[in-house]
Structure formats: structure tokens, C-alpha cells
């Protein structure tokens, strides 16, 4: 039930633990009874509109810059578990609040798998659509390229079905629209067959990575692919690891049921967290990554097993620090320049650089706020930051310097993370932002759906 206005202020946060935001009301939306669910949503929207309060919807709130939080407004968390499979079409219709862990468990029993999702399973399906996440299956664009249709509730309570041919303008706006267009209710997505996959691991000089990576990503026998590089300050980005997965024969008794990493993930977490404050530990971790990858849980596995790991599996537990992600998208011909820029900019920073994961993303021809405006290499950088004013100032400086460098190479950056990019950097990375802004005002003239992303970059 809604929290009464007379109660103490409600403060919500996100995965960064740096986005404490007061909200007027918080509601966890249970969609098990659809008629009651839709009626309650409409009532919440009418109440918020009447009081001129913003509304924002989230799921697990893994974004790191209050993109799912409405200051002094109504915050809604989506929950749901409905999943209807169409085996003939190889699609499924999923409630927006359903977590990918539930989707994978159900699909696994049918021999099916998500075609594209991000690399962890604890996000909501609707949230994946709203940030237009990508993953490591290849060759694919972002999640939106696999969406057949979705239903969305607009600011006036109207429920609209959207697809590439029906309400196509809303389809393009809501995918990658960060919940600013309406409340996504359910999503129909394309699926892949689950399969046993065998990894091939290659170690090479970092400057040789990009051409080899692109060739493997476009090899029709490769189904999933990622890369990593060494991150110690003294020899950063001098060596690369490329792991590609190809189909392997299934066991005689069939594919094993999906599971998570268990003890091996705990071992990997210990090695990963030991890097903070220790350059020697970073070098040891890289040695383990190169030589012990199969032993650490990335050997032969099903497609579903590879996708079925929560983001929390490597999370830190030090209350004085927080893990912060950056993600940059680079044209492959400029990837070597990106590495050179990172070698200059990252080592002097106070933040501890823990990891880079490299993925392949095809051009996004769909979303107005597209981050992949050409086929690209996505670089996800993971840092451990002090939870202090000094730590935050250091991260702002580093983020803006890296963003300037990436934009100069014709690349872009991802929006679900800390909002440290300057407005001029946002405008360069997202040249259709004005078009998005004007379209939102058409569909939501009273600006009911707002969050920190809108307030920082789009609401001016």
C-alpha cells in the first residue's frame, strides 16, 4: 500500500549507494492480478499528476545515477513472474518486473534461452528494455533489436501495444528511453535454442586484439564472445584475453539443468576483491585469468548457465567503498587509440581500476538515444571508489577525461551509470536527444515521468 505522507521521509538508493534520494511515496507493484495492478497504476498516476509529483519506475535499481528515482515523487518497483512461451514463433511474453533469473529457469526447462540480455541475471526485463542493454551473444545489437512488441501505460493511463509496425514512434522512444515515456508492462522477445558451448581461449598483445575480436565476433560458428585485459598500473592494457564460445555436442543424458557458479564464483570473487590497493594482486589475478579460466567456472557450459550469474557475485562488502562502472563504445579502427588514452588517464586516478570486459555490439538503428551508432567494441570498466567527497571528485575528473577522449575517437558512452558527463558531452554522444526531448513532451506534456537523467540532461 502507499506510504502515508505523514510518515517520515522515504529515502531510496541505487546500486552505487551514492544516490540517496527522498521520495514522497514508494510502491512495490505486484502484477499477479492484472486488473487490480492496472487500476492501481492508473490511480498512482492520477494522484501524482494532481500533486505535480514525478513518477519513476525501477526493478532491481542497478543503475548508478538515480535514473530510476524521482526526487520527491512516486517511486514504483515492478514485480512479476508471468512468462508465456510461443514455441512455434520462438518468442515469449514476459511481465516487465520479471527478473532474468526467473526467465532463464523457465526457458531452460523448454530448451530455450534469451537471445540477448545483459551479462547478469538479477535485472528486470522491463528495465533491460528501458536501458536497451546489450550482452555477449554475437553478432547482435542491443536488446531492443530482439523485441517483437511490448505494452506500455502512458501518462494518461492509456495502455498501448507497440511494435516496429504498430505505434512505431513509441516503440523507438521507449526502447532505451529510461522510463521517460511510460510504464512498460510486458515485453515479447525473441529466443534462441539453449546449447552446450565450448570456449576457445586466446592470449595476445593488446594492440592485436581489435581485429581478431571483430573477426571472431562475425564468425558464424561463434555464439558468444568476450575479451579482458590486464589492469595493473605499470603494464595496463598490454595483454589481452579473447574467449569465444562455439557449439559442442550435448551430453548423452541431455543438457544439464541451469545453475549458478557456486564455490568457483566465491574463489573468483576473493581474487577479484584482493586487487583493491594491491598492484601485485592485480598481476596475480591476470595470471589466474589467463591460465585458470576453466577452473574458475568458464569452461564448457550451456548458454543459459553462462548468462545465469547475478551482478552481486563479485560485489564488494566494504562500507567505505563502492563499485562504479563506466561503459564506452568504440569503432574498432580506433580501439588502439582508446587503449593508449586509458593508459594515460587511468593510472594517475585515485580510484582502483579492477577490470575491463570487452563485448561486441552491432549498430542500433532503432532507439533515439542509441549508444551504438555503428558496429562497435563495448568496453565495460569497473572501478572501486572511496565513498567520500574526495573519491567522488576524483571519479568526476576521470569520467570527464575518459569521455572527452572517447568522443574524440568517434565513440560514445552509456547512460545507466553515474551522471558525471558534462551536458556538452551528453549532447555530442546523443545527437538525437532534442528529438527525444520534443517527442516526450508530446506524449507526456505535463512531464509526469521524470528521473535524475531527465533532470540532468534532457529537461532543459
Protein backbone atom coordinates (compact mmCIF):
# COMPACT_ATOMS: atom_id res chain seq x y z
CA UNK A 1 0.00 0.00 0.00
CA UNK A 2 1.15 3.61 -0.47
CA UNK A 3 3.06 5.16 2.39
CA UNK A 4 1.13 7.99 4.02
CA UNK A 5 2.52 11.50 3.64
CA UNK A 6 2.56 11.92 7.44
CA UNK A 7 5.20 9.21 7.87
CA UNK A 8 8.92 10.06 7.94
CA UNK A 9 10.55 10.78 4.61
CA UNK A 10 11.37 7.74 2.48
CA UNK A 11 14.90 7.69 1.09
CA UNK A 12 15.76 5.26 -1.71
CA UNK A 13 19.14 4.48 -3.25
CA UNK A 14 20.55 2.51 -6.15
CA UNK A 15 23.49 0.17 -6.77
CA UNK A 16 26.05 2.96 -6.37
CA UNK A 17 24.95 3.71 -2.79
CA UNK A 18 25.72 7.32 -3.75
CA UNK A 19 22.25 8.31 -4.99
CA UNK A 20 20.24 8.68 -1.77
CA UNK A 21 17.01 10.31 -2.98
CA UNK A 22 13.97 11.37 -0.92
CA UNK A 23 10.69 10.22 -2.43
CA UNK A 24 7.13 11.02 -1.43
CA UNK A 25 5.76 7.51 -1.99
CA UNK A 26 7.20 4.08 -2.70
CA UNK A 27 5.09 1.25 -4.07
CA UNK A 28 6.15 -2.28 -4.95
CA UNK A 29 3.82 -3.20 -7.80
CA UNK A 30 2.62 -6.81 -7.74
CA UNK A 31 1.20 -7.76 -11.14
CA UNK A 32 -0.23 -11.17 -10.20
CA UNK A 33 -3.76 -9.77 -10.62
CA UNK A 34 -3.57 -7.73 -13.81
CA UNK A 35 -6.89 -5.91 -13.48
CA UNK A 36 -6.06 -4.75 -9.94
CA UNK A 37 -2.48 -3.97 -10.97
CA UNK A 38 -3.54 -1.73 -13.88
CA UNK A 39 -6.19 0.01 -11.78
CA UNK A 40 -3.65 0.73 -9.06
CA UNK A 41 -1.12 2.06 -11.57
CA UNK A 42 -3.71 4.42 -13.03
CA UNK A 43 -4.65 5.62 -9.55
CA UNK A 44 -0.98 6.30 -8.72
CA UNK A 45 -0.54 8.26 -11.95
CA UNK A 46 -3.68 10.35 -11.34
CA UNK A 47 -2.61 11.11 -7.79
CA UNK A 48 0.93 12.07 -8.81
CA UNK A 49 -0.30 14.22 -11.71
CA UNK A 50 -2.77 16.01 -9.45
CA UNK A 51 0.01 16.85 -6.99
CA UNK A 52 2.58 17.60 -9.75
CA UNK A 53 4.85 14.87 -8.43
CA UNK A 54 7.19 12.99 -10.77
CA UNK A 55 6.89 9.22 -11.26
CA UNK A 56 9.74 6.78 -11.96
CA UNK A 57 9.68 3.01 -12.27
CA UNK A 58 12.50 0.60 -11.48
CA UNK A 59 13.11 -3.07 -10.82
CA UNK A 60 16.35 -4.04 -9.06
CA UNK A 61 17.68 -0.43 -9.26
CA UNK A 62 21.07 -1.44 -10.61
CA UNK A 63 21.55 1.87 -12.41
CA UNK A 64 24.10 4.01 -10.61
CA UNK A 65 22.97 7.61 -11.09
CA UNK A 66 19.36 7.77 -9.81
CA UNK A 67 17.95 7.01 -13.27
CA UNK A 68 15.17 5.04 -11.52
CA UNK A 69 14.49 7.56 -8.75
CA UNK A 70 12.04 10.51 -8.78
CA UNK A 71 13.06 13.18 -6.29
CA UNK A 72 10.07 13.94 -4.01
CA UNK A 73 7.91 11.83 -6.29
CA UNK A 74 6.33 8.41 -6.61
CA UNK A 75 8.80 5.53 -6.99
CA UNK A 76 7.41 2.23 -8.25
CA UNK A 77 9.24 -1.08 -8.20
CA UNK A 78 7.93 -3.63 -10.68
CA UNK A 79 7.49 -7.27 -9.61
CA UNK A 80 6.06 -10.09 -11.64
CA UNK A 81 6.59 -13.66 -12.73
CA UNK A 82 4.35 -14.16 -15.76
CA UNK A 83 6.03 -15.79 -18.75
CA UNK A 84 4.15 -17.20 -21.75
CA UNK A 85 6.17 -19.11 -24.36
CA UNK A 86 5.29 -19.41 -28.05
CA UNK A 87 7.46 -22.32 -29.17
CA UNK A 88 6.39 -22.08 -32.81
CA UNK A 89 7.44 -18.44 -33.05
CA UNK A 90 10.33 -18.97 -30.59
CA UNK A 91 9.26 -15.96 -28.54
CA UNK A 92 7.98 -15.34 -25.05
CA UNK A 93 5.85 -12.64 -23.45
CA UNK A 94 7.23 -11.61 -20.03
CA UNK A 95 5.94 -9.26 -17.36
CA UNK A 96 8.22 -6.24 -17.15
CA UNK A 97 9.09 -6.84 -13.48
CA UNK A 98 10.22 -10.43 -14.01
CA UNK A 99 13.90 -10.94 -13.21
CA UNK A 100 16.06 -12.65 -15.81
CA UNK A 101 16.92 -15.36 -13.29
CA UNK A 102 13.27 -16.46 -13.36
CA UNK A 103 13.14 -16.18 -17.16
CA UNK A 104 16.22 -18.37 -17.57
CA UNK A 105 14.96 -21.02 -15.14
CA UNK A 106 11.68 -21.33 -17.04
CA UNK A 107 13.21 -21.24 -20.52
CA UNK A 108 15.78 -23.81 -19.50
CA UNK A 109 13.06 -26.41 -18.97
CA UNK A 110 11.92 -25.80 -22.57
CA UNK A 111 15.39 -25.99 -24.15
CA UNK A 112 15.28 -22.25 -24.88
CA UNK A 113 17.42 -19.26 -23.93
CA UNK A 114 17.26 -15.43 -24.10
CA UNK A 115 18.58 -14.25 -27.45
CA UNK A 116 20.12 -11.12 -25.88
CA UNK A 117 20.29 -9.93 -22.28
CA UNK A 118 22.97 -8.25 -20.21
CA UNK A 119 25.64 -10.43 -18.65
CA UNK A 120 23.89 -10.77 -15.26
CA UNK A 121 20.54 -12.24 -14.29
CA UNK A 122 19.26 -10.04 -11.46
CA UNK A 123 17.79 -7.25 -13.61
CA UNK A 124 14.13 -6.84 -14.60
CA UNK A 125 13.13 -7.47 -18.21
CA UNK A 126 11.38 -4.10 -18.50
CA UNK A 127 14.45 -2.36 -17.13
CA UNK A 128 16.57 -4.11 -19.75
CA UNK A 129 14.30 -2.63 -22.42
CA UNK A 130 14.39 0.84 -20.87
CA UNK A 131 18.20 0.98 -20.81
CA UNK A 132 18.41 -1.04 -24.07
CA UNK A 133 21.10 -3.24 -22.57
CA UNK A 134 23.38 -5.44 -24.63
CA UNK A 135 25.09 -8.72 -23.83
CA UNK A 136 27.77 -11.04 -25.09
CA UNK A 137 25.88 -13.24 -27.58
CA UNK A 138 27.11 -12.34 -31.04
CA UNK A 139 26.52 -10.95 -33.61
CA UNK A 140 23.66 -8.89 -32.19
CA UNK A 141 22.71 -5.33 -31.49
CA UNK A 142 21.24 -4.19 -28.16
CA UNK A 143 18.25 -5.85 -26.53
CA UNK A 144 15.77 -3.70 -28.47
CA UNK A 145 16.72 -5.50 -31.68
CA UNK A 146 15.19 -8.70 -30.21
CA UNK A 147 11.92 -7.12 -29.03
CA UNK A 148 8.83 -8.14 -31.01
CA UNK A 149 6.36 -5.95 -29.10
CA UNK A 150 5.54 -4.52 -25.69
CA UNK A 151 2.66 -2.92 -23.83
CA UNK A 152 3.16 0.47 -22.19
CA UNK A 153 0.97 2.62 -19.95
CA UNK A 154 1.15 6.29 -20.93
CA UNK A 155 0.81 9.28 -18.61
CA UNK A 156 -2.99 9.41 -19.04
CA UNK A 157 -3.37 5.73 -18.08
CA UNK A 158 -3.90 4.50 -21.63
CA UNK A 159 -2.35 1.08 -22.37
CA UNK A 160 -0.80 0.87 -25.84
CA UNK A 161 0.69 -2.09 -27.73
CA UNK A 162 3.88 -1.12 -29.54
CA UNK A 163 5.92 -2.91 -32.21
CA UNK A 164 8.08 -1.89 -35.18
CA UNK A 165 4.89 -1.51 -37.23
CA UNK A 166 2.30 -0.53 -34.59
CA UNK A 167 2.79 2.72 -32.66
CA UNK A 168 6.32 2.60 -34.04
CA UNK A 169 7.19 6.05 -32.72
CA UNK A 170 6.52 4.94 -29.14
CA UNK A 171 8.42 1.71 -29.81
CA UNK A 172 11.55 3.68 -30.74
CA UNK A 173 11.14 6.14 -27.88
CA UNK A 174 10.58 3.64 -25.07
CA UNK A 175 13.44 1.31 -26.05
CA UNK A 176 16.42 2.97 -24.43
CA UNK A 177 14.11 5.70 -23.10
CA UNK A 178 14.83 5.15 -19.38
CA UNK A 179 11.16 5.02 -18.41
CA UNK A 180 10.57 8.61 -19.52
CA UNK A 181 7.82 7.72 -21.99
CA UNK A 182 5.62 5.49 -19.85
CA UNK A 183 5.45 2.33 -17.74
CA UNK A 184 6.41 -0.79 -19.69
CA UNK A 185 4.01 -3.55 -18.64
CA UNK A 186 5.22 -6.62 -20.52
CA UNK A 187 7.60 -7.47 -23.34
CA UNK A 188 7.57 -10.05 -26.13
CA UNK A 189 11.11 -11.07 -27.07
CA UNK A 190 12.80 -13.45 -29.46
CA UNK A 191 14.56 -16.52 -28.08
CA UNK A 192 17.46 -18.79 -29.01
CA UNK A 193 17.91 -22.50 -28.52
CA UNK A 194 19.83 -23.46 -25.41
CA UNK A 195 23.01 -25.36 -26.28
CA UNK A 196 26.24 -26.71 -24.86
CA UNK A 197 29.10 -24.33 -25.63
CA UNK A 198 32.86 -24.91 -25.65
CA UNK A 199 35.23 -21.98 -25.01
CA UNK A 200 38.34 -21.19 -27.01
CA UNK A 201 40.77 -19.01 -25.10
CA UNK A 202 43.41 -16.90 -26.87
CA UNK A 203 46.06 -14.65 -25.31
CA UNK A 204 47.61 -11.91 -27.44
CA UNK A 205 49.21 -8.45 -27.30
CA UNK A 206 46.52 -5.88 -26.56
CA UNK A 207 47.18 -3.95 -29.75
CA UNK A 208 46.33 -7.08 -31.77
CA UNK A 209 43.00 -7.60 -30.02
CA UNK A 210 40.54 -5.50 -32.04
CA UNK A 211 40.95 -7.10 -35.50
CA UNK A 212 40.97 -10.61 -34.03
CA UNK A 213 37.95 -9.84 -31.86
CA UNK A 214 35.90 -8.46 -34.75
CA UNK A 215 36.79 -11.44 -36.94
CA UNK A 216 35.70 -13.89 -34.24
CA UNK A 217 32.53 -11.92 -33.45
CA UNK A 218 31.47 -12.24 -37.09
CA UNK A 219 32.42 -15.91 -37.38
CA UNK A 220 29.10 -17.77 -37.85
CA UNK A 221 30.35 -20.65 -35.68
CA UNK A 222 30.83 -18.31 -32.67
CA UNK A 223 27.77 -17.81 -30.46
CA UNK A 224 29.17 -15.81 -27.53
CA UNK A 225 32.35 -13.80 -27.09
CA UNK A 226 34.15 -11.51 -24.66
CA UNK A 227 37.58 -10.06 -24.00
CA UNK A 228 39.60 -8.96 -20.99
CA UNK A 229 42.89 -7.10 -20.45
CA UNK A 230 45.44 -6.64 -17.68
CA UNK A 231 44.75 -3.63 -15.46
CA UNK A 232 47.76 -3.07 -13.17
CA UNK A 233 49.07 0.48 -13.40
CA UNK A 234 52.58 -0.39 -14.58
CA UNK A 235 51.59 -2.55 -17.55
CA UNK A 236 47.95 -1.63 -18.15
CA UNK A 237 46.37 -2.87 -21.38
CA UNK A 238 49.48 -4.53 -22.75
CA UNK A 239 48.00 -8.02 -22.97
CA UNK A 240 44.55 -9.30 -23.95
CA UNK A 241 42.48 -12.41 -23.44
CA UNK A 242 39.82 -13.34 -26.02
CA UNK A 243 37.29 -16.06 -25.17
CA UNK A 244 34.89 -17.27 -27.86
CA UNK A 245 32.23 -19.97 -27.49
CA UNK A 246 31.12 -22.46 -30.11
CA UNK A 247 28.50 -25.21 -30.10
CA UNK A 248 29.61 -28.53 -28.60
CA UNK A 249 27.88 -31.94 -28.53
CA UNK A 250 25.29 -32.27 -25.78
CA UNK A 251 25.85 -34.99 -23.15
CA UNK A 252 24.06 -38.28 -23.80
CA UNK A 253 21.62 -37.62 -20.99
CA UNK A 254 20.79 -34.15 -22.31
CA UNK A 255 21.78 -30.64 -21.29
CA UNK A 256 22.38 -30.17 -17.57
CA UNK A 257 19.82 -28.00 -15.75
CA UNK A 258 20.82 -24.39 -15.33
CA UNK A 259 22.70 -23.44 -12.16
CA UNK A 260 24.92 -20.68 -10.81
CA UNK A 261 28.64 -20.74 -10.18
CA UNK A 262 28.76 -21.95 -6.58
CA UNK A 263 32.16 -22.31 -4.94
CA UNK A 264 34.14 -21.35 -8.04
CA UNK A 265 32.42 -17.97 -8.13
CA UNK A 266 33.38 -17.42 -4.49
CA UNK A 267 37.01 -18.19 -5.34
CA UNK A 268 36.85 -15.77 -8.27
CA UNK A 269 35.32 -13.10 -6.02
CA UNK A 270 38.13 -13.42 -3.47
CA UNK A 271 40.76 -12.99 -6.19
CA UNK A 272 38.83 -10.06 -7.67
CA UNK A 273 38.38 -8.15 -4.40
CA UNK A 274 42.02 -8.66 -3.39
CA UNK A 275 43.03 -6.24 -6.17
CA UNK A 276 41.98 -3.17 -4.20
CA UNK A 277 45.13 -1.42 -3.02
CA UNK A 278 47.45 -4.11 -4.40
CA UNK A 279 49.15 -3.93 -7.78
CA UNK A 280 50.69 -7.34 -7.07
CA UNK A 281 47.19 -8.81 -6.61
CA UNK A 282 46.14 -7.32 -9.95
CA UNK A 283 49.04 -9.09 -11.63
CA UNK A 284 48.20 -12.36 -9.87
CA UNK A 285 44.57 -12.05 -10.89
CA UNK A 286 45.59 -11.56 -14.52
CA UNK A 287 47.79 -14.64 -14.36
CA UNK A 288 44.87 -16.63 -12.96
CA UNK A 289 42.55 -15.24 -15.64
CA UNK A 290 44.88 -16.41 -18.40
CA UNK A 291 45.74 -19.82 -17.00
CA UNK A 292 42.85 -20.87 -14.78
CA UNK A 293 39.73 -19.63 -16.59
CA UNK A 294 38.20 -23.13 -17.00
CA UNK A 295 38.86 -23.92 -13.33
CA UNK A 296 37.16 -20.66 -12.30
CA UNK A 297 33.87 -21.64 -13.88
CA UNK A 298 34.11 -20.53 -17.53
CA UNK A 299 34.76 -23.93 -19.12
CA UNK A 300 32.21 -25.91 -21.14
CA UNK A 301 28.70 -24.82 -20.16
CA UNK A 302 25.23 -24.31 -21.51
CA UNK A 303 24.24 -21.00 -22.99
CA UNK A 304 21.83 -20.47 -20.09
CA UNK A 305 24.48 -21.27 -17.49
CA UNK A 306 26.76 -18.58 -18.93
CA UNK A 307 24.00 -15.98 -18.57
CA UNK A 308 22.81 -17.09 -15.14
CA UNK A 309 25.06 -15.22 -12.73
CA UNK A 310 23.98 -12.28 -10.53
CA UNK A 311 25.83 -8.98 -10.51
CA UNK A 312 26.20 -9.44 -6.76
CA UNK A 313 28.57 -12.39 -7.26
CA UNK A 314 31.61 -10.07 -7.36
CA UNK A 315 30.20 -7.24 -5.22
CA UNK A 316 32.26 -5.58 -2.52
CA UNK A 317 31.34 -5.56 1.17
CA UNK A 318 33.45 -2.66 2.42
CA UNK A 319 31.02 0.10 3.53
CA UNK A 320 33.71 2.71 2.82
CA UNK A 321 33.92 1.86 -0.89
CA UNK A 322 31.58 1.29 -3.79
CA UNK A 323 31.97 -0.30 -7.22
CA UNK A 324 31.34 2.05 -10.15
CA UNK A 325 31.03 1.07 -13.81
CA UNK A 326 31.81 3.05 -16.94
CA UNK A 327 31.00 1.81 -20.42
CA UNK A 328 32.36 3.18 -23.67
CA UNK A 329 31.58 2.19 -27.25
CA UNK A 330 34.43 2.41 -29.76
CA UNK A 331 34.66 1.97 -33.51
CA UNK A 332 37.03 -0.97 -33.95
CA UNK A 333 39.58 1.01 -36.04
CA UNK A 334 40.06 3.45 -33.13
CA UNK A 335 40.28 0.83 -30.39
CA UNK A 336 44.08 1.04 -30.19
CA UNK A 337 43.81 4.80 -29.60
CA UNK A 338 41.31 4.11 -26.82
CA UNK A 339 43.80 1.78 -25.12
CA UNK A 340 46.52 4.41 -25.39
CA UNK A 341 44.24 7.06 -23.90
CA UNK A 342 43.29 4.81 -20.98
CA UNK A 343 46.97 4.04 -20.26
CA UNK A 344 47.48 7.79 -19.83
CA UNK A 345 44.32 8.75 -17.95
CA UNK A 346 43.53 5.88 -15.58
CA UNK A 347 46.79 5.19 -13.65
CA UNK A 348 47.01 8.66 -12.00
CA UNK A 349 43.44 8.43 -10.67
CA UNK A 350 42.75 7.67 -7.03
CA UNK A 351 40.05 5.11 -7.91
CA UNK A 352 41.14 1.49 -8.09
CA UNK A 353 40.74 0.05 -11.59
CA UNK A 354 39.66 -3.59 -11.22
CA UNK A 355 38.53 -4.91 -14.58
CA UNK A 356 37.67 -4.32 -18.21
CA UNK A 357 35.31 -6.59 -20.11
CA UNK A 358 35.04 -6.21 -23.88
CA UNK A 359 31.98 -7.12 -25.93
CA UNK A 360 30.75 -6.80 -29.50
CA UNK A 361 27.64 -4.72 -30.32
CA UNK A 362 26.09 -4.24 -33.74
CA UNK A 363 24.76 -0.84 -34.78
CA UNK A 364 21.50 0.25 -33.17
CA UNK A 365 19.16 1.56 -35.86
CA UNK A 366 16.19 1.70 -33.52
CA UNK A 367 16.49 3.77 -30.35
CA UNK A 368 16.53 7.57 -30.48
CA UNK A 369 19.03 7.50 -27.62
CA UNK A 370 21.27 4.99 -29.39
CA UNK A 371 24.74 4.49 -27.93
CA UNK A 372 25.92 2.12 -30.70
CA UNK A 373 25.66 4.35 -33.76
CA UNK A 374 27.98 1.97 -35.62
CA UNK A 375 29.18 -1.60 -35.06
CA UNK A 376 31.47 -1.26 -32.07
CA UNK A 377 33.54 -2.75 -29.30
CA UNK A 378 31.98 -2.10 -25.89
CA UNK A 379 34.43 -1.60 -23.03
CA UNK A 380 32.96 -2.00 -19.52
CA UNK A 381 35.39 -0.56 -16.96
CA UNK A 382 34.96 -1.43 -13.28
CA UNK A 383 36.39 0.80 -10.54
CA UNK A 384 36.34 0.71 -6.75
CA UNK A 385 35.77 4.22 -5.44
CA UNK A 386 36.02 5.66 -1.95
CA UNK A 387 32.64 6.83 -0.64
CA UNK A 388 33.92 10.30 0.16
CA UNK A 389 33.88 13.79 -1.34
CA UNK A 390 37.46 13.24 -2.47
CA UNK A 391 36.62 9.91 -4.05
CA UNK A 392 33.66 11.41 -5.88
CA UNK A 393 35.65 14.39 -7.16
CA UNK A 394 38.35 12.04 -8.42
CA UNK A 395 35.75 9.96 -10.27
CA UNK A 396 34.19 13.05 -11.86
CA UNK A 397 37.58 14.15 -13.19
CA UNK A 398 38.40 10.71 -14.53
CA UNK A 399 34.98 10.20 -16.13
CA UNK A 400 35.01 13.52 -17.94
CA UNK A 401 38.57 12.99 -19.18
CA UNK A 402 37.78 9.49 -20.48
CA UNK A 403 34.57 10.74 -22.07
CA UNK A 404 36.35 13.55 -23.89
CA UNK A 405 38.89 11.05 -25.19
CA UNK A 406 36.21 8.58 -26.35
CA UNK A 407 34.14 11.26 -28.07
CA UNK A 408 37.25 12.43 -29.89
CA UNK A 409 37.59 8.90 -31.29
CA UNK A 410 34.03 8.87 -32.62
CA UNK A 411 32.73 6.74 -29.73
CA UNK A 412 30.03 7.21 -27.11
CA UNK A 413 29.22 6.32 -23.51
CA UNK A 414 26.40 4.50 -21.74
CA UNK A 415 23.79 6.33 -19.64
CA UNK A 416 22.82 3.99 -16.73
CA UNK A 417 25.88 4.88 -14.69
CA UNK A 418 26.97 7.92 -12.67
CA UNK A 419 25.87 11.20 -14.25
CA UNK A 420 29.35 12.71 -14.35
CA UNK A 421 29.47 13.56 -18.05
CA UNK A 422 29.03 17.26 -18.81
CA UNK A 423 25.91 18.38 -20.73
CA UNK A 424 28.03 19.17 -23.78
CA UNK A 425 29.45 15.62 -23.68
CA UNK A 426 25.95 14.20 -23.48
CA UNK A 427 24.88 16.28 -26.48
CA UNK A 428 27.84 15.02 -28.55
CA UNK A 429 27.24 11.37 -27.65
CA UNK A 430 23.47 11.52 -28.18
CA UNK A 431 22.83 13.81 -31.17
CA UNK A 432 19.12 12.89 -31.35
CA UNK A 433 18.45 13.97 -27.76
CA UNK A 434 16.48 17.03 -28.90
CA UNK A 435 14.23 14.80 -30.99
CA UNK A 436 13.68 12.55 -27.98
CA UNK A 437 13.02 15.55 -25.73
CA UNK A 438 10.37 17.02 -28.03
CA UNK A 439 8.69 13.62 -28.58
CA UNK A 440 8.47 13.03 -24.84
CA UNK A 441 6.76 16.38 -24.36
CA UNK A 442 4.22 15.34 -27.00
CA UNK A 443 3.35 12.07 -25.25
CA UNK A 444 3.84 13.36 -21.68
CA UNK A 445 3.09 17.10 -21.87
CA UNK A 446 2.98 17.56 -18.10
CA UNK A 447 6.28 15.71 -17.64
CA UNK A 448 4.86 13.14 -15.26
CA UNK A 449 7.64 10.61 -15.89
CA UNK A 450 10.88 12.15 -14.65
CA UNK A 451 14.09 10.93 -13.08
CA UNK A 452 17.61 12.20 -12.49
CA UNK A 453 18.63 11.51 -16.09
CA UNK A 454 15.89 13.83 -17.33
CA UNK A 455 16.76 16.47 -14.74
CA UNK A 456 20.46 16.42 -15.63
CA UNK A 457 20.47 16.25 -19.42
CA UNK A 458 17.06 16.30 -21.08
CA UNK A 459 14.80 18.62 -19.11
CA UNK A 460 16.50 21.87 -20.08
